[in-house]
Amino acid sequence: MYVKNHMLRRTELVTLDLEDDIKTALDKIQEGDFMSLPVLDGNEFKGYLMKEAIFRRFFEYDSVDKEEFLKNTKVKDLYNTNYKSIKEDDYIENASYLLKEWRTPFLPVFDSNDNFTGILTHNSIFNAFSEIFGLDKGTRIVVDMLDIPGQLARLTEVIRKERVNIINFAAVDAKVLDVYRVIIRVDTKDVIGLIEKIEKAGFKIGEISK
């Protein structure tokens, strides 16, 4: 799954210019209920401005008149240039890691020619992984199994024999010695029958939910 499939395109974005005054910036931020906005210099991505940075600067200089501050302070005085970027053809998993490690509001996205083409937000990541895990489809079955070679193949073979479609599955560490947890989403009307077959094959069911 690629970044380009989940990013917000540049044409969809509200952006700021380096020479915008802070009143203009704050108006845009509040109108769209944003926490931050991309900052551009023409077509070039330069960084981002956070709402919190505006208020922090104003209260640092509490003797400054509010209207004077809003009019005379520029975006270029407050914007943040500390960011990581990502390419359109990078995997969404890489973007998720960067957002977590850098604690940034979004990742600017560039094409193969280093042109700014949009941003990837935390919400975009959430939607991408919701799609990967099929959160709005099928029945979720959690199976706890021993960390023994061939166990996963046995489980999927049981499901295959029941002619049940696996929408997706993921294996995670159960934090118990030699045990891991497999989360499966299946498309079947006979969930109880499938569960009985899985348990009969020697697997332990941890949870079942829609």
C-alpha atoms as a PDB file:
ATOM      1  CA  MET A   1       0.000   0.000   0.000  1.00  0.00           C
ATOM      2  CA  TYR A   2       1.551   3.253  -1.140  1.00  0.00           C
ATOM      3  CA  VAL A   3       1.621   6.776   0.273  1.00  0.00           C
ATOM      4  CA  LYS A   4       0.162   8.209  -2.946  1.00  0.00           C
ATOM      5  CA  ASN A   5      -3.041   6.241  -2.393  1.00  0.00           C
ATOM      6  CA  HIS A   6      -3.765   7.910   0.959  1.00  0.00           C
ATOM      7  CA  MET A   7      -2.144  11.348   0.871  1.00  0.00           C
ATOM      8  CA  LEU A   8      -3.975  14.666   0.691  1.00  0.00           C
ATOM      9  CA  ARG A   9      -3.149  16.203  -2.669  1.00  0.00           C
ATOM     10  CA  ARG A  10      -1.726  19.700  -2.822  1.00  0.00           C
ATOM     11  CA  THR A  11      -4.844  20.944  -4.615  1.00  0.00           C
ATOM     12  CA  GLU A  12      -6.901  19.905  -1.565  1.00  0.00           C
ATOM     13  CA  LEU A  13      -4.738  21.748   0.960  1.00  0.00           C
ATOM     14  CA  VAL A  14      -5.026  25.072   2.723  1.00  0.00           C
ATOM     15  CA  THR A  15      -1.496  26.488   2.806  1.00  0.00           C
ATOM     16  CA  LEU A  16       0.415  29.494   4.093  1.00  0.00           C
ATOM     17  CA  ASP A  17       2.993  31.690   2.406  1.00  0.00           C
ATOM     18  CA  LEU A  18       6.192  32.787   4.128  1.00  0.00           C
ATOM     19  CA  GLU A  19       5.159  36.453   3.798  1.00  0.00           C
ATOM     20  CA  ASP A  20       1.648  36.005   5.205  1.00  0.00           C
ATOM     21  CA  ASP A  21       1.058  37.872   8.442  1.00  0.00           C
ATOM     22  CA  ILE A  22       0.031  35.905  11.495  1.00  0.00           C
ATOM     23  CA  LYS A  23      -3.518  37.257  11.396  1.00  0.00           C
ATOM     24  CA  THR A  24      -3.996  35.693   7.962  1.00  0.00           C
ATOM     25  CA  ALA A  25      -2.434  32.459   9.181  1.00  0.00           C
ATOM     26  CA  LEU A  26      -4.559  32.331  12.326  1.00  0.00           C
ATOM     27  CA  ASP A  27      -7.725  33.048  10.369  1.00  0.00           C
ATOM     28  CA  LYS A  28      -7.001  30.105   8.050  1.00  0.00           C
ATOM     29  CA  ILE A  29      -6.130  27.813  10.957  1.00  0.00           C
ATOM     30  CA  GLN A  30      -9.243  28.656  12.945  1.00  0.00           C
ATOM     31  CA  GLU A  31     -11.588  28.607   9.953  1.00  0.00           C
ATOM     32  CA  GLY A  32     -10.567  25.050   9.097  1.00  0.00           C
ATOM     33  CA  ASP A  33     -10.092  23.992  12.744  1.00  0.00           C
ATOM     34  CA  PHE A  34      -6.506  22.965  11.947  1.00  0.00           C
ATOM     35  CA  MET A  35      -3.683  22.409  14.403  1.00  0.00           C
ATOM     36  CA  SER A  36      -1.066  23.257  11.766  1.00  0.00           C
ATOM     37  CA  LEU A  37      -0.712  24.195   8.097  1.00  0.00           C
ATOM     38  CA  PRO A  38       1.977  23.677   5.414  1.00  0.00           C
ATOM     39  CA  VAL A  39       4.145  26.693   4.628  1.00  0.00           C
ATOM     40  CA  LEU A  40       5.172  27.330   1.024  1.00  0.00           C
ATOM     41  CA  ASP A  41       7.433  29.721  -0.808  1.00  0.00           C
ATOM     42  CA  GLY A  42       5.812  29.756  -4.226  1.00  0.00           C
ATOM     43  CA  ASN A  43       5.714  26.071  -5.206  1.00  0.00           C
ATOM     44  CA  GLU A  44       8.387  25.025  -2.731  1.00  0.00           C
ATOM     45  CA  PHE A  45       7.521  23.376   0.587  1.00  0.00           C
ATOM     46  CA  LYS A  46       9.383  25.118   3.436  1.00  0.00           C
ATOM     47  CA  GLY A  47       7.898  23.733   6.652  1.00  0.00           C
ATOM     48  CA  TYR A  48       4.776  24.055   8.762  1.00  0.00           C
ATOM     49  CA  LEU A  49       3.218  26.466  11.237  1.00  0.00           C
ATOM     50  CA  MET A  50       1.448  25.182  14.334  1.00  0.00           C
ATOM     51  CA  LYS A  51      -1.351  27.034  16.088  1.00  0.00           C
ATOM     52  CA  GLU A  52       0.406  26.390  19.379  1.00  0.00           C
ATOM     53  CA  ALA A  53       3.529  28.218  18.162  1.00  0.00           C
ATOM     54  CA  ILE A  54       1.509  31.384  17.476  1.00  0.00           C
ATOM     55  CA  PHE A  55       0.011  31.516  20.962  1.00  0.00           C
ATOM     56  CA  ARG A  56       3.300  30.597  22.619  1.00  0.00           C
ATOM     57  CA  ARG A  57       5.127  33.461  20.891  1.00  0.00           C
ATOM     58  CA  PHE A  58       2.415  35.962  21.803  1.00  0.00           C
ATOM     59  CA  PHE A  59       2.458  35.025  25.498  1.00  0.00           C
ATOM     60  CA  GLU A  60       6.255  35.083  25.577  1.00  0.00           C
ATOM     61  CA  TYR A  61       5.963  38.792  24.785  1.00  0.00           C
ATOM     62  CA  ASP A  62       2.900  39.657  26.868  1.00  0.00           C
ATOM     63  CA  SER A  63       3.629  43.382  26.674  1.00  0.00           C
ATOM     64  CA  VAL A  64       3.018  43.373  22.905  1.00  0.00           C
ATOM     65  CA  ASP A  65      -0.336  44.675  21.654  1.00  0.00           C
ATOM     66  CA  LYS A  66      -2.409  41.871  20.153  1.00  0.00           C
ATOM     67  CA  GLU A  67      -3.287  43.692  16.926  1.00  0.00           C
ATOM     68  CA  GLU A  68       0.296  44.808  16.478  1.00  0.00           C
ATOM     69  CA  PHE A  69       1.488  41.224  16.963  1.00  0.00           C
ATOM     70  CA  LEU A  70      -1.007  39.818  14.453  1.00  0.00           C
ATOM     71  CA  LYS A  71      -0.200  42.447  11.838  1.00  0.00           C
ATOM     72  CA  ASN A  72       3.573  42.742  12.149  1.00  0.00           C
ATOM     73  CA  THR A  73       4.588  39.142  12.795  1.00  0.00           C
ATOM     74  CA  LYS A  74       5.062  37.013   9.688  1.00  0.00           C
ATOM     75  CA  VAL A  75       4.733  33.291   9.086  1.00  0.00           C
ATOM     76  CA  LYS A  76       8.460  33.236   8.275  1.00  0.00           C
ATOM     77  CA  ASP A  77       9.135  34.345  11.871  1.00  0.00           C
ATOM     78  CA  LEU A  78       7.384  31.361  13.466  1.00  0.00           C
ATOM     79  CA  TYR A  79       7.236  28.414  11.090  1.00  0.00           C
ATOM     80  CA  ASN A  80       8.997  25.120  11.838  1.00  0.00           C
ATOM     81  CA  THR A  81      11.600  23.731   9.425  1.00  0.00           C
ATOM     82  CA  ASN A  82      12.287  20.554  11.417  1.00  0.00           C
ATOM     83  CA  TYR A  83      10.495  17.849   9.452  1.00  0.00           C
ATOM     84  CA  LYS A  84      10.897  14.549   7.655  1.00  0.00           C
ATOM     85  CA  SER A  85       9.495  13.975   4.179  1.00  0.00           C
ATOM     86  CA  ILE A  86       8.433  10.943   2.204  1.00  0.00           C
ATOM     87  CA  LYS A  87       8.019   9.964  -1.439  1.00  0.00           C
ATOM     88  CA  GLU A  88       4.713   9.193  -3.166  1.00  0.00           C
ATOM     89  CA  ASP A  89       5.844   5.641  -3.955  1.00  0.00           C
ATOM     90  CA  ASP A  90       7.035   4.807  -0.437  1.00  0.00           C
ATOM     91  CA  TYR A  91       5.123   2.250   1.588  1.00  0.00           C
ATOM     92  CA  ILE A  92       2.537   3.475   4.096  1.00  0.00           C
ATOM     93  CA  GLU A  93       4.325   1.486   6.828  1.00  0.00           C
ATOM     94  CA  ASN A  94       7.411   3.697   6.432  1.00  0.00           C
ATOM     95  CA  ALA A  95       5.271   6.807   6.781  1.00  0.00           C
ATOM     96  CA  SER A  96       3.681   5.449   9.954  1.00  0.00           C
ATOM     97  CA  TYR A  97       7.126   4.939  11.483  1.00  0.00           C
ATOM     98  CA  LEU A  98       8.296   8.455  10.593  1.00  0.00           C
ATOM     99  CA  LEU A  99       5.173  10.113  12.004  1.00  0.00           C
ATOM    100  CA  LYS A 100       5.619   8.229  15.264  1.00  0.00           C
ATOM    101  CA  GLU A 101       9.340   8.856  15.633  1.00  0.00           C
ATOM    102  CA  TRP A 102       9.305  12.532  14.647  1.00  0.00           C
ATOM    103  CA  ARG A 103       6.052  13.489  16.407  1.00  0.00           C
ATOM    104  CA  THR A 104       5.237  15.770  13.499  1.00  0.00           C
ATOM    105  CA  PRO A 105       1.660  16.775  12.543  1.00  0.00           C
ATOM    106  CA  PHE A 106       2.097  15.476   8.992  1.00  0.00           C
ATOM    107  CA  LEU A 107       4.659  14.381   6.433  1.00  0.00           C
ATOM    108  CA  PRO A 108       5.200  16.435   3.270  1.00  0.00           C
ATOM    109  CA  VAL A 109       5.083  14.188   0.201  1.00  0.00           C
ATOM    110  CA  PHE A 110       7.289  14.605  -2.877  1.00  0.00           C
ATOM    111  CA  ASP A 111       7.308  12.963  -6.290  1.00  0.00           C
ATOM    112  CA  SER A 112      10.335  11.393  -8.003  1.00  0.00           C
ATOM    113  CA  ASN A 113      11.421  14.860  -9.187  1.00  0.00           C
ATOM    114  CA  ASP A 114      11.281  16.280  -5.647  1.00  0.00           C
ATOM    115  CA  ASN A 115       8.177  18.353  -6.359  1.00  0.00           C
ATOM    116  CA  PHE A 116       5.872  18.897  -3.389  1.00  0.00           C
ATOM    117  CA  THR A 117       2.636  17.020  -4.124  1.00  0.00           C
ATOM    118  CA  GLY A 118       0.765  16.892  -0.817  1.00  0.00           C
ATOM    119  CA  ILE A 119       0.848  15.719   2.787  1.00  0.00           C
ATOM    120  CA  LEU A 120       0.215  12.537   4.734  1.00  0.00           C
ATOM    121  CA  THR A 121      -1.525  13.024   8.088  1.00  0.00           C
ATOM    122  CA  HIS A 122      -2.053  10.828  11.146  1.00  0.00           C
ATOM    123  CA  ASN A 123      -5.676  10.445  10.119  1.00  0.00           C
ATOM    124  CA  SER A 124      -4.564   9.258   6.668  1.00  0.00           C
ATOM    125  CA  ILE A 125      -2.446   6.577   8.332  1.00  0.00           C
ATOM    126  CA  PHE A 126      -5.364   5.483  10.518  1.00  0.00           C
ATOM    127  CA  ASN A 127      -7.644   5.196   7.480  1.00  0.00           C
ATOM    128  CA  ALA A 128      -5.009   3.237   5.563  1.00  0.00           C
ATOM    129  CA  PHE A 129      -4.553   0.680   8.322  1.00  0.00           C
ATOM    130  CA  SER A 130      -8.307   0.454   8.849  1.00  0.00           C
ATOM    131  CA  GLU A 131      -8.525  -0.517   5.194  1.00  0.00           C
ATOM    132  CA  ILE A 132      -5.661  -2.996   5.525  1.00  0.00           C
ATOM    133  CA  PHE A 133      -7.293  -4.710   8.497  1.00  0.00           C
ATOM    134  CA  GLY A 134     -10.770  -4.542   6.989  1.00  0.00           C
ATOM    135  CA  LEU A 135     -12.232  -3.051  10.160  1.00  0.00           C
ATOM    136  CA  ASP A 136     -15.633  -2.579   8.572  1.00  0.00           C
ATOM    137  CA  LYS A 137     -15.831  -6.072   7.057  1.00  0.00           C
ATOM    138  CA  GLY A 138     -16.433  -9.636   8.162  1.00  0.00           C
ATOM    139  CA  THR A 139     -15.912 -11.278  11.543  1.00  0.00           C
ATOM    140  CA  ARG A 140     -12.793 -10.827  13.651  1.00  0.00           C
ATOM    141  CA  ILE A 141     -11.383 -14.008  15.171  1.00  0.00           C
ATOM    142  CA  VAL A 142      -8.376 -14.001  17.502  1.00  0.00           C
ATOM    143  CA  VAL A 143      -6.458 -17.271  17.688  1.00  0.00           C
ATOM    144  CA  ASP A 144      -3.697 -17.904  20.231  1.00  0.00           C
ATOM    145  CA  MET A 145      -1.114 -20.427  19.094  1.00  0.00           C
ATOM    146  CA  LEU A 146       2.283 -21.795  20.017  1.00  0.00           C
ATOM    147  CA  ASP A 147       5.271 -20.439  18.148  1.00  0.00           C
ATOM    148  CA  ILE A 148       5.901 -23.663  16.259  1.00  0.00           C
ATOM    149  CA  PRO A 149       6.778 -23.878  12.540  1.00  0.00           C
ATOM    150  CA  GLY A 150       3.784 -24.726  10.378  1.00  0.00           C
ATOM    151  CA  GLN A 151       1.075 -23.598  12.811  1.00  0.00           C
ATOM    152  CA  LEU A 152      -0.116 -20.713  10.666  1.00  0.00           C
ATOM    153  CA  ALA A 153      -0.244 -22.933   7.581  1.00  0.00           C
ATOM    154  CA  ARG A 154      -2.371 -25.451   9.516  1.00  0.00           C
ATOM    155  CA  LEU A 155      -4.780 -22.741  10.621  1.00  0.00           C
ATOM    156  CA  THR A 156      -5.271 -21.322   7.150  1.00  0.00           C
ATOM    157  CA  GLU A 157      -5.739 -24.845   5.773  1.00  0.00           C
ATOM    158  CA  VAL A 158      -8.588 -25.444   8.240  1.00  0.00           C
ATOM    159  CA  ILE A 159     -10.257 -22.255   7.051  1.00  0.00           C
ATOM    160  CA  ARG A 160      -9.647 -23.111   3.389  1.00  0.00           C
ATOM    161  CA  LYS A 161     -11.301 -26.490   3.773  1.00  0.00           C
ATOM    162  CA  GLU A 162     -14.425 -24.741   5.056  1.00  0.00           C
ATOM    163  CA  ARG A 163     -14.415 -22.635   1.870  1.00  0.00           C
ATOM    164  CA  VAL A 164     -14.251 -19.450   3.946  1.00  0.00           C
ATOM    165  CA  ASN A 165     -12.683 -16.314   2.516  1.00  0.00           C
ATOM    166  CA  ILE A 166      -9.938 -14.718   4.636  1.00  0.00           C
ATOM    167  CA  ILE A 167     -10.246 -10.950   4.249  1.00  0.00           C
ATOM    168  CA  ASN A 168      -6.948 -10.371   6.056  1.00  0.00           C
ATOM    169  CA  PHE A 169      -4.856 -11.544   8.967  1.00  0.00           C
ATOM    170  CA  ALA A 170      -2.034 -10.310  11.171  1.00  0.00           C
ATOM    171  CA  ALA A 171       0.293 -12.069  13.612  1.00  0.00           C
ATOM    172  CA  VAL A 172       1.295 -10.175  16.761  1.00  0.00           C
ATOM    173  CA  ASP A 173       3.367 -10.956  19.835  1.00  0.00           C
ATOM    174  CA  ALA A 174       1.051 -12.029  22.665  1.00  0.00           C
ATOM    175  CA  LYS A 175       3.772 -11.072  25.190  1.00  0.00           C
ATOM    176  CA  VAL A 176       3.639 -14.633  26.525  1.00  0.00           C
ATOM    177  CA  LEU A 177       6.556 -17.052  26.164  1.00  0.00           C
ATOM    178  CA  ASP A 178       6.337 -19.091  22.931  1.00  0.00           C
ATOM    179  CA  VAL A 179       2.821 -17.821  22.170  1.00  0.00           C
ATOM    180  CA  TYR A 180       1.692 -15.449  19.469  1.00  0.00           C
ATOM    181  CA  ARG A 181      -1.707 -14.151  18.483  1.00  0.00           C
ATOM    182  CA  VAL A 182      -3.203 -14.298  15.017  1.00  0.00           C
ATOM    183  CA  ILE A 183      -5.985 -11.850  14.212  1.00  0.00           C
ATOM    184  CA  ILE A 184      -8.094 -13.006  11.290  1.00  0.00           C
ATOM    185  CA  ARG A 185     -11.057 -11.408   9.529  1.00  0.00           C
ATOM    186  CA  VAL A 186     -13.214 -13.849   7.645  1.00  0.00           C
ATOM    187  CA  ASP A 187     -16.280 -13.589   5.456  1.00  0.00           C
ATOM    188  CA  THR A 188     -18.694 -16.354   6.477  1.00  0.00           C
ATOM    189  CA  LYS A 189     -22.299 -16.744   7.629  1.00  0.00           C
ATOM    190  CA  ASP A 190     -21.467 -19.810   9.706  1.00  0.00           C
ATOM    191  CA  VAL A 191     -19.063 -18.347  12.232  1.00  0.00           C
ATOM    192  CA  ILE A 192     -19.935 -20.913  14.917  1.00  0.00           C
ATOM    193  CA  GLY A 193     -19.250 -23.802  12.551  1.00  0.00           C
ATOM    194  CA  LEU A 194     -15.871 -22.334  11.597  1.00  0.00           C
ATOM    195  CA  ILE A 195     -14.929 -21.774  15.250  1.00  0.00           C
ATOM    196  CA  GLU A 196     -15.747 -25.398  16.042  1.00  0.00           C
ATOM    197  CA  LYS A 197     -13.484 -26.585  13.218  1.00  0.00           C
ATOM    198  CA  ILE A 198     -10.625 -24.335  14.359  1.00  0.00           C
ATOM    199  CA  GLU A 199     -10.913 -25.532  17.957  1.00  0.00           C
ATOM    200  CA  LYS A 200     -11.187 -29.170  16.858  1.00  0.00           C
ATOM    201  CA  ALA A 201      -7.858 -28.691  15.043  1.00  0.00           C
ATOM    202  CA  GLY A 202      -6.287 -27.841  18.403  1.00  0.00           C
ATOM    203  CA  PHE A 203      -6.254 -24.048  18.308  1.00  0.00           C
ATOM    204  CA  LYS A 204      -7.403 -21.804  21.145  1.00  0.00           C
ATOM    205  CA  ILE A 205      -9.857 -19.030  20.296  1.00  0.00           C
ATOM    206  CA  GLY A 206      -9.146 -15.844  22.215  1.00  0.00           C
ATOM    207  CA  GLU A 207     -11.918 -13.563  20.975  1.00  0.00           C
ATOM    208  CA  ILE A 208     -14.691 -13.271  18.388  1.00  0.00           C
ATOM    209  CA  SER A 209     -16.284 -10.003  17.279  1.00  0.00           C
ATOM    210  CA  LYS A 210     -17.865  -8.257  14.323  1.00  0.00           C
END
